[in-house]
Amino acid sequence: MTLARFNNYPSLFDQLFDTDLFDWSNRNYSETNTTVPSVNIKENADAFNVEMAVPGFDKKDFKIALDHNVLTISSEKKVENETKEGERFTRHEYSYQSFSRSFTLPEAANGDKISAKYDNGILNVEIPKREEAKPKPMRQIAIA
C-alpha cells in the first residue's frame, strides 16, 4: 500500500481558480441578475431633470417614451465578438444589456416639451414645467 502525502496548503492551481475572475457565484450581480442604472432627479423653478448614469452606450441605444403621463427610459444593447479565420475560441462571451425605468410625471410637468441629451455616459432628460405651475414672482397689490 502506497501512502500519499496530504498537504493542507492550496496548490498554485487551486489559488489560480480561487480568484474573482473565475467566481461564477451570484455575489457579483444583483438579486435579479440585472443591472439597473442609477438615477438622480432634480427640480428647479422651471423644470425637472432626470440624470441617468449609463456609460458605454450610444444615444441610438436608448428609447424614451411618454404614455399616459408615464415616462419610460429603456435600452437594449447586444454585443457579439467575432473571430477571424484561423482563430479558435478559448472563451467566447456575448454581452446583452437591457433595462427599463418608468416614472410617473407630476401634474406640473409639460410632457409635450421633454428633451434628452446623452454625453459622457450620462443621459440627461429635461422635463419642463407648465407655465401655470411655475412659481410666480411676488407682486405688490395696489389698494384702491
N, C-alpha and C. Protein backbone atom coordinates (compact mmCIF):
# COMPACT_ATOMS: atom_id res chain seq x y z
N MET A 1 0.84 -1.17 0.00
CA MET A 1 0.00 0.00 0.00
C MET A 1 0.89 1.23 0.00
N THR A 2 0.59 2.20 -0.91
CA THR A 2 1.36 3.43 -1.00
C THR A 2 0.60 4.54 -0.29
N LEU A 3 1.31 5.27 0.53
CA LEU A 3 0.69 6.40 1.21
C LEU A 3 0.99 7.67 0.45
N ALA A 4 -0.04 8.48 0.23
CA ALA A 4 0.15 9.77 -0.43
C ALA A 4 0.26 10.83 0.65
N ARG A 5 1.14 11.76 0.45
CA ARG A 5 1.33 12.83 1.42
C ARG A 5 0.22 13.87 1.23
N PHE A 6 -0.47 14.22 2.29
CA PHE A 6 -1.55 15.20 2.25
C PHE A 6 -1.00 16.56 2.65
N ASN A 7 -1.28 17.56 1.82
CA ASN A 7 -0.77 18.90 2.07
C ASN A 7 -1.95 19.83 2.35
N ASN A 8 -1.94 20.51 3.47
CA ASN A 8 -3.04 21.43 3.82
C ASN A 8 -2.94 22.76 3.10
N TYR A 9 -1.87 23.04 2.41
CA TYR A 9 -1.70 24.30 1.71
C TYR A 9 -2.26 24.18 0.30
N PRO A 10 -3.00 25.20 -0.16
CA PRO A 10 -3.55 25.12 -1.52
C PRO A 10 -2.43 25.20 -2.57
N SER A 11 -2.63 24.47 -3.63
CA SER A 11 -1.65 24.49 -4.72
C SER A 11 -1.81 25.77 -5.53
N LEU A 12 -0.81 26.06 -6.36
CA LEU A 12 -0.87 27.22 -7.23
C LEU A 12 -2.08 27.12 -8.15
N PHE A 13 -2.38 25.90 -8.61
CA PHE A 13 -3.54 25.67 -9.47
C PHE A 13 -4.83 26.06 -8.74
N ASP A 14 -4.96 25.63 -7.48
CA ASP A 14 -6.15 25.96 -6.70
C ASP A 14 -6.26 27.47 -6.48
N GLN A 15 -5.14 28.13 -6.21
CA GLN A 15 -5.15 29.57 -5.99
C GLN A 15 -5.56 30.32 -7.26
N LEU A 16 -5.13 29.84 -8.42
CA LEU A 16 -5.46 30.48 -9.68
C LEU A 16 -6.97 30.51 -9.90
N PHE A 17 -7.64 29.39 -9.63
CA PHE A 17 -9.08 29.30 -9.87
C PHE A 17 -9.91 29.81 -8.69
N ASP A 18 -9.24 30.30 -7.65
CA ASP A 18 -9.94 30.85 -6.50
C ASP A 18 -10.08 32.37 -6.60
N THR A 19 -9.68 32.96 -7.71
CA THR A 19 -9.75 34.41 -7.87
C THR A 19 -11.13 34.83 -8.35
N ASP A 20 -11.43 36.14 -8.28
CA ASP A 20 -12.72 36.66 -8.71
C ASP A 20 -12.99 36.42 -10.18
N LEU A 21 -11.93 36.31 -10.99
CA LEU A 21 -12.11 36.09 -12.41
C LEU A 21 -12.90 34.82 -12.67
N PHE A 22 -12.71 33.81 -11.84
CA PHE A 22 -13.38 32.54 -12.04
C PHE A 22 -14.53 32.33 -11.05
N ASP A 23 -14.96 33.37 -10.40
CA ASP A 23 -16.05 33.29 -9.44
C ASP A 23 -17.37 33.36 -10.18
N TRP A 24 -18.06 32.25 -10.29
CA TRP A 24 -19.33 32.19 -11.02
C TRP A 24 -20.52 32.28 -10.07
N SER A 25 -20.28 32.61 -8.81
CA SER A 25 -21.38 32.76 -7.86
C SER A 25 -22.14 34.03 -8.17
N ASN A 26 -23.22 34.25 -7.48
CA ASN A 26 -24.06 35.42 -7.73
C ASN A 26 -23.61 36.65 -6.96
N ARG A 27 -22.48 36.62 -6.29
CA ARG A 27 -22.12 37.77 -5.48
C ARG A 27 -21.74 39.00 -6.31
N ASN A 28 -21.47 38.85 -7.60
CA ASN A 28 -21.14 39.98 -8.46
C ASN A 28 -22.36 40.55 -9.17
N TYR A 29 -23.53 40.08 -8.85
CA TYR A 29 -24.74 40.51 -9.53
C TYR A 29 -25.78 40.92 -8.50
N SER A 30 -26.81 41.60 -8.94
CA SER A 30 -27.92 41.93 -8.05
C SER A 30 -28.75 40.67 -7.84
N GLU A 31 -29.72 40.76 -6.96
CA GLU A 31 -30.55 39.59 -6.66
C GLU A 31 -31.30 39.09 -7.89
N THR A 32 -31.60 39.98 -8.82
CA THR A 32 -32.33 39.58 -10.02
C THR A 32 -31.41 39.33 -11.20
N ASN A 33 -30.09 39.37 -10.98
CA ASN A 33 -29.09 39.19 -12.03
C ASN A 33 -29.22 40.24 -13.13
N THR A 34 -29.66 41.44 -12.78
CA THR A 34 -29.76 42.52 -13.74
C THR A 34 -29.03 43.74 -13.18
N THR A 35 -28.75 44.66 -14.04
CA THR A 35 -28.13 45.91 -13.64
C THR A 35 -29.07 47.03 -14.03
N VAL A 36 -29.43 47.85 -13.07
CA VAL A 36 -30.32 48.97 -13.33
C VAL A 36 -29.52 50.24 -13.11
N PRO A 37 -29.50 51.14 -14.09
CA PRO A 37 -28.71 52.36 -13.94
C PRO A 37 -29.20 53.24 -12.79
N SER A 38 -28.25 53.92 -12.17
CA SER A 38 -28.57 54.87 -11.11
C SER A 38 -29.20 56.12 -11.71
N VAL A 39 -30.11 56.73 -10.95
CA VAL A 39 -30.84 57.90 -11.43
C VAL A 39 -30.80 59.00 -10.37
N ASN A 40 -30.57 60.22 -10.82
CA ASN A 40 -30.74 61.41 -9.99
C ASN A 40 -31.89 62.21 -10.59
N ILE A 41 -32.79 62.68 -9.74
CA ILE A 41 -33.89 63.52 -10.21
C ILE A 41 -33.79 64.85 -9.46
N LYS A 42 -33.68 65.93 -10.24
CA LYS A 42 -33.56 67.26 -9.66
C LYS A 42 -34.75 68.10 -10.12
N GLU A 43 -35.06 69.11 -9.32
CA GLU A 43 -36.14 70.03 -9.67
C GLU A 43 -35.68 71.45 -9.40
N ASN A 44 -36.00 72.34 -10.33
CA ASN A 44 -35.80 73.77 -10.09
C ASN A 44 -37.10 74.47 -10.45
N ALA A 45 -37.09 75.79 -10.48
CA ALA A 45 -38.32 76.55 -10.73
C ALA A 45 -38.91 76.30 -12.11
N ASP A 46 -38.07 75.92 -13.08
CA ASP A 46 -38.53 75.79 -14.46
C ASP A 46 -38.72 74.36 -14.97
N ALA A 47 -38.04 73.38 -14.33
CA ALA A 47 -38.07 72.04 -14.90
C ALA A 47 -37.70 70.97 -13.89
N PHE A 48 -37.97 69.72 -14.29
CA PHE A 48 -37.47 68.53 -13.61
C PHE A 48 -36.35 67.99 -14.49
N ASN A 49 -35.32 67.43 -13.88
CA ASN A 49 -34.19 66.91 -14.65
C ASN A 49 -33.87 65.51 -14.16
N VAL A 50 -33.87 64.55 -15.09
CA VAL A 50 -33.53 63.16 -14.77
C VAL A 50 -32.15 62.88 -15.35
N GLU A 51 -31.21 62.53 -14.48
CA GLU A 51 -29.85 62.15 -14.91
C GLU A 51 -29.68 60.65 -14.66
N MET A 52 -29.26 59.94 -15.70
CA MET A 52 -29.09 58.50 -15.58
C MET A 52 -27.67 58.13 -15.99
N ALA A 53 -26.96 57.43 -15.11
CA ALA A 53 -25.59 57.01 -15.39
C ALA A 53 -25.62 55.72 -16.21
N VAL A 54 -25.23 55.82 -17.49
CA VAL A 54 -25.24 54.67 -18.40
C VAL A 54 -23.99 54.70 -19.29
N PRO A 55 -22.82 54.51 -18.72
CA PRO A 55 -21.60 54.55 -19.53
C PRO A 55 -21.53 53.38 -20.51
N GLY A 56 -20.86 53.61 -21.63
CA GLY A 56 -20.66 52.56 -22.62
C GLY A 56 -21.78 52.41 -23.63
N PHE A 57 -22.79 53.23 -23.56
CA PHE A 57 -23.89 53.17 -24.51
C PHE A 57 -23.73 54.27 -25.56
N ASP A 58 -24.49 54.17 -26.62
CA ASP A 58 -24.61 55.22 -27.63
C ASP A 58 -26.02 55.77 -27.54
N LYS A 59 -26.21 56.99 -28.03
CA LYS A 59 -27.56 57.56 -27.94
C LYS A 59 -28.58 56.76 -28.74
N LYS A 60 -28.15 56.04 -29.75
CA LYS A 60 -29.07 55.21 -30.54
C LYS A 60 -29.56 53.97 -29.76
N ASP A 61 -28.89 53.66 -28.64
CA ASP A 61 -29.28 52.50 -27.82
C ASP A 61 -30.50 52.77 -26.95
N PHE A 62 -30.91 54.04 -26.79
CA PHE A 62 -31.97 54.40 -25.86
C PHE A 62 -33.32 54.55 -26.55
N LYS A 63 -34.36 54.28 -25.80
CA LYS A 63 -35.73 54.55 -26.23
C LYS A 63 -36.39 55.30 -25.08
N ILE A 64 -36.90 56.49 -25.37
CA ILE A 64 -37.59 57.29 -24.36
C ILE A 64 -39.00 57.51 -24.86
N ALA A 65 -39.99 57.12 -24.04
CA ALA A 65 -41.38 57.22 -24.47
C ALA A 65 -42.23 57.80 -23.34
N LEU A 66 -43.25 58.53 -23.73
CA LEU A 66 -44.22 59.08 -22.79
C LEU A 66 -45.59 58.52 -23.16
N ASP A 67 -46.23 57.82 -22.21
CA ASP A 67 -47.53 57.22 -22.46
C ASP A 67 -48.40 57.39 -21.22
N HIS A 68 -49.50 58.13 -21.36
CA HIS A 68 -50.43 58.37 -20.25
C HIS A 68 -49.70 58.90 -19.02
N ASN A 69 -48.87 59.90 -19.22
CA ASN A 69 -48.15 60.61 -18.17
C ASN A 69 -47.09 59.76 -17.47
N VAL A 70 -46.69 58.64 -18.10
CA VAL A 70 -45.61 57.80 -17.57
C VAL A 70 -44.44 57.87 -18.55
N LEU A 71 -43.31 58.37 -18.06
CA LEU A 71 -42.09 58.47 -18.85
C LEU A 71 -41.30 57.18 -18.66
N THR A 72 -40.98 56.51 -19.77
CA THR A 72 -40.21 55.26 -19.71
C THR A 72 -38.91 55.44 -20.49
N ILE A 73 -37.80 55.14 -19.81
CA ILE A 73 -36.47 55.18 -20.42
C ILE A 73 -35.99 53.74 -20.45
N SER A 74 -35.66 53.26 -21.65
CA SER A 74 -35.21 51.87 -21.76
C SER A 74 -34.07 51.76 -22.76
N SER A 75 -33.40 50.63 -22.70
CA SER A 75 -32.31 50.38 -23.63
C SER A 75 -32.13 48.88 -23.79
N GLU A 76 -31.64 48.52 -24.96
CA GLU A 76 -31.31 47.14 -25.25
C GLU A 76 -30.05 47.17 -26.09
N LYS A 77 -29.01 46.50 -25.63
CA LYS A 77 -27.73 46.54 -26.33
C LYS A 77 -27.16 45.13 -26.41
N LYS A 78 -26.83 44.71 -27.62
CA LYS A 78 -26.23 43.40 -27.84
C LYS A 78 -24.85 43.59 -28.44
N VAL A 79 -23.87 42.86 -27.92
CA VAL A 79 -22.51 42.92 -28.45
C VAL A 79 -22.04 41.49 -28.68
N GLU A 80 -21.60 41.23 -29.89
CA GLU A 80 -21.05 39.92 -30.21
C GLU A 80 -19.64 40.12 -30.73
N ASN A 81 -18.71 39.37 -30.16
CA ASN A 81 -17.32 39.46 -30.61
C ASN A 81 -17.10 38.43 -31.71
N GLU A 82 -16.57 38.90 -32.83
CA GLU A 82 -16.32 38.00 -33.95
C GLU A 82 -14.86 37.56 -33.94
N THR A 83 -14.61 36.39 -34.50
CA THR A 83 -13.24 35.92 -34.64
C THR A 83 -12.89 35.88 -36.12
N LYS A 84 -11.62 35.96 -36.40
CA LYS A 84 -11.16 35.93 -37.77
C LYS A 84 -10.82 34.51 -38.19
N GLU A 85 -10.69 34.31 -39.46
CA GLU A 85 -10.36 32.99 -39.99
C GLU A 85 -9.04 32.51 -39.40
N GLY A 86 -9.03 31.26 -38.98
CA GLY A 86 -7.82 30.68 -38.39
C GLY A 86 -7.78 30.80 -36.88
N GLU A 87 -8.70 31.55 -36.30
CA GLU A 87 -8.73 31.68 -34.84
C GLU A 87 -9.63 30.59 -34.25
N ARG A 88 -9.39 30.30 -33.01
CA ARG A 88 -10.29 29.37 -32.31
C ARG A 88 -10.62 29.97 -30.96
N PHE A 89 -11.74 29.56 -30.41
CA PHE A 89 -12.18 30.09 -29.14
C PHE A 89 -11.50 29.38 -27.97
N THR A 90 -11.00 30.15 -27.03
CA THR A 90 -10.66 29.60 -25.73
C THR A 90 -11.73 30.04 -24.75
N ARG A 91 -12.34 31.15 -25.05
CA ARG A 91 -13.53 31.63 -24.35
C ARG A 91 -14.25 32.57 -25.30
N HIS A 92 -15.56 32.46 -25.36
CA HIS A 92 -16.35 33.34 -26.23
C HIS A 92 -17.52 33.84 -25.41
N GLU A 93 -17.62 35.14 -25.24
CA GLU A 93 -18.68 35.71 -24.43
C GLU A 93 -19.51 36.69 -25.24
N TYR A 94 -20.80 36.57 -25.11
CA TYR A 94 -21.72 37.52 -25.71
C TYR A 94 -22.16 38.48 -24.61
N SER A 95 -22.49 39.68 -24.98
CA SER A 95 -22.96 40.65 -24.00
C SER A 95 -24.34 41.12 -24.41
N TYR A 96 -25.27 41.05 -23.47
CA TYR A 96 -26.62 41.53 -23.69
C TYR A 96 -27.01 42.35 -22.48
N GLN A 97 -27.27 43.62 -22.70
CA GLN A 97 -27.64 44.50 -21.61
C GLN A 97 -28.98 45.14 -21.94
N SER A 98 -29.87 45.16 -20.96
CA SER A 98 -31.13 45.86 -21.16
C SER A 98 -31.62 46.38 -19.81
N PHE A 99 -32.39 47.44 -19.87
CA PHE A 99 -33.02 47.97 -18.67
C PHE A 99 -34.24 48.77 -19.08
N SER A 100 -35.10 49.03 -18.12
CA SER A 100 -36.26 49.88 -18.32
C SER A 100 -36.58 50.53 -16.99
N ARG A 101 -36.70 51.86 -17.01
CA ARG A 101 -37.09 52.62 -15.82
C ARG A 101 -38.28 53.47 -16.20
N SER A 102 -39.30 53.51 -15.34
CA SER A 102 -40.50 54.30 -15.60
C SER A 102 -40.76 55.26 -14.45
N PHE A 103 -41.25 56.45 -14.80
CA PHE A 103 -41.52 57.50 -13.83
C PHE A 103 -42.87 58.13 -14.17
N THR A 104 -43.72 58.26 -13.16
CA THR A 104 -44.99 58.97 -13.35
C THR A 104 -44.71 60.45 -13.19
N LEU A 105 -45.06 61.21 -14.20
CA LEU A 105 -44.80 62.65 -14.17
C LEU A 105 -45.81 63.37 -13.27
N PRO A 106 -45.36 64.37 -12.55
CA PRO A 106 -46.29 65.15 -11.74
C PRO A 106 -47.16 66.04 -12.62
N GLU A 107 -48.24 66.54 -12.07
CA GLU A 107 -49.16 67.41 -12.82
C GLU A 107 -48.46 68.64 -13.36
N ALA A 108 -47.43 69.11 -12.68
CA ALA A 108 -46.73 70.33 -13.10
C ALA A 108 -45.89 70.13 -14.36
N ALA A 109 -45.62 68.88 -14.75
CA ALA A 109 -44.75 68.61 -15.90
C ALA A 109 -45.44 68.88 -17.22
N ASN A 110 -44.67 69.40 -18.18
CA ASN A 110 -45.16 69.63 -19.54
C ASN A 110 -44.58 68.53 -20.43
N GLY A 111 -45.34 67.46 -20.60
CA GLY A 111 -44.88 66.31 -21.36
C GLY A 111 -44.64 66.58 -22.83
N ASP A 112 -45.21 67.66 -23.37
CA ASP A 112 -45.05 67.98 -24.79
C ASP A 112 -43.68 68.56 -25.11
N LYS A 113 -42.95 68.99 -24.12
CA LYS A 113 -41.67 69.66 -24.39
C LYS A 113 -40.47 68.95 -23.76
N ILE A 114 -40.57 67.64 -23.55
CA ILE A 114 -39.46 66.88 -22.98
C ILE A 114 -38.33 66.80 -23.99
N SER A 115 -37.09 66.96 -23.51
CA SER A 115 -35.91 66.83 -24.37
C SER A 115 -34.89 65.94 -23.68
N ALA A 116 -33.98 65.34 -24.47
CA ALA A 116 -32.97 64.44 -23.91
C ALA A 116 -31.64 64.66 -24.61
N LYS A 117 -30.56 64.42 -23.84
CA LYS A 117 -29.21 64.54 -24.36
C LYS A 117 -28.35 63.48 -23.69
N TYR A 118 -27.46 62.85 -24.46
CA TYR A 118 -26.54 61.85 -23.92
C TYR A 118 -25.12 62.35 -24.14
N ASP A 119 -24.35 62.47 -23.04
CA ASP A 119 -22.99 62.99 -23.14
C ASP A 119 -22.13 62.38 -22.03
N ASN A 120 -20.98 61.84 -22.40
CA ASN A 120 -20.01 61.28 -21.44
C ASN A 120 -20.62 60.28 -20.46
N GLY A 121 -21.46 59.39 -20.96
CA GLY A 121 -22.02 58.34 -20.12
C GLY A 121 -23.22 58.74 -19.28
N ILE A 122 -23.69 59.98 -19.43
CA ILE A 122 -24.85 60.45 -18.67
C ILE A 122 -25.98 60.79 -19.62
N LEU A 123 -27.13 60.17 -19.42
CA LEU A 123 -28.34 60.51 -20.16
C LEU A 123 -29.08 61.55 -19.34
N ASN A 124 -29.35 62.70 -19.94
CA ASN A 124 -30.00 63.80 -19.25
C ASN A 124 -31.34 64.07 -19.93
N VAL A 125 -32.42 63.90 -19.18
CA VAL A 125 -33.77 64.14 -19.71
C VAL A 125 -34.34 65.34 -18.97
N GLU A 126 -34.69 66.38 -19.73
CA GLU A 126 -35.26 67.58 -19.12
C GLU A 126 -36.76 67.61 -19.37
N ILE A 127 -37.50 67.80 -18.29
CA ILE A 127 -38.96 67.85 -18.36
C ILE A 127 -39.39 69.23 -17.87
N PRO A 128 -39.70 70.14 -18.80
CA PRO A 128 -40.10 71.49 -18.38
C PRO A 128 -41.41 71.47 -17.59
N LYS A 129 -41.58 72.49 -16.77
CA LYS A 129 -42.84 72.64 -16.03
C LYS A 129 -43.82 73.46 -16.87
N ARG A 130 -45.09 73.24 -16.66
CA ARG A 130 -46.13 74.04 -17.30
C ARG A 130 -46.02 75.47 -16.77
N GLU A 131 -46.33 76.43 -17.60
CA GLU A 131 -46.24 77.84 -17.20
C GLU A 131 -47.05 78.13 -15.95
N GLU A 132 -48.26 77.57 -15.90
CA GLU A 132 -49.11 77.84 -14.74
C GLU A 132 -48.59 77.19 -13.46
N ALA A 133 -47.69 76.22 -13.58
CA ALA A 133 -47.14 75.55 -12.40
C ALA A 133 -45.86 76.22 -11.88
N LYS A 134 -45.26 77.07 -12.69
CA LYS A 134 -44.04 77.75 -12.27
C LYS A 134 -44.36 78.77 -11.18
N PRO A 135 -43.47 78.92 -10.22
CA PRO A 135 -43.73 79.91 -9.17
C PRO A 135 -43.76 81.32 -9.74
N LYS A 136 -44.72 82.07 -9.28
CA LYS A 136 -44.86 83.46 -9.74
C LYS A 136 -44.08 84.37 -8.81
N PRO A 137 -43.46 85.40 -9.37
CA PRO A 137 -42.73 86.34 -8.51
C PRO A 137 -43.73 87.14 -7.66
N MET A 138 -43.24 87.59 -6.53
CA MET A 138 -44.09 88.37 -5.66
C MET A 138 -44.47 89.67 -6.36
N ARG A 139 -45.71 90.07 -6.21
CA ARG A 139 -46.13 91.33 -6.80
C ARG A 139 -46.88 92.14 -5.74
N GLN A 140 -46.78 93.40 -5.90
CA GLN A 140 -47.47 94.32 -4.99
C GLN A 140 -48.87 94.55 -5.48
N ILE A 141 -49.81 94.56 -4.58
CA ILE A 141 -51.20 94.80 -4.95
C ILE A 141 -51.59 96.18 -4.43
N ALA A 142 -52.03 96.97 -5.37
CA ALA A 142 -52.41 98.36 -5.04
C ALA A 142 -53.72 98.38 -4.25
N ILE A 143 -53.79 99.28 -3.32
CA ILE A 143 -55.01 99.42 -2.52
C ILE A 143 -55.81 100.58 -3.11
N ALA A 144 -57.05 100.32 -3.42
CA ALA A 144 -57.89 101.37 -4.04
C ALA A 144 -58.58 102.21 -3.00
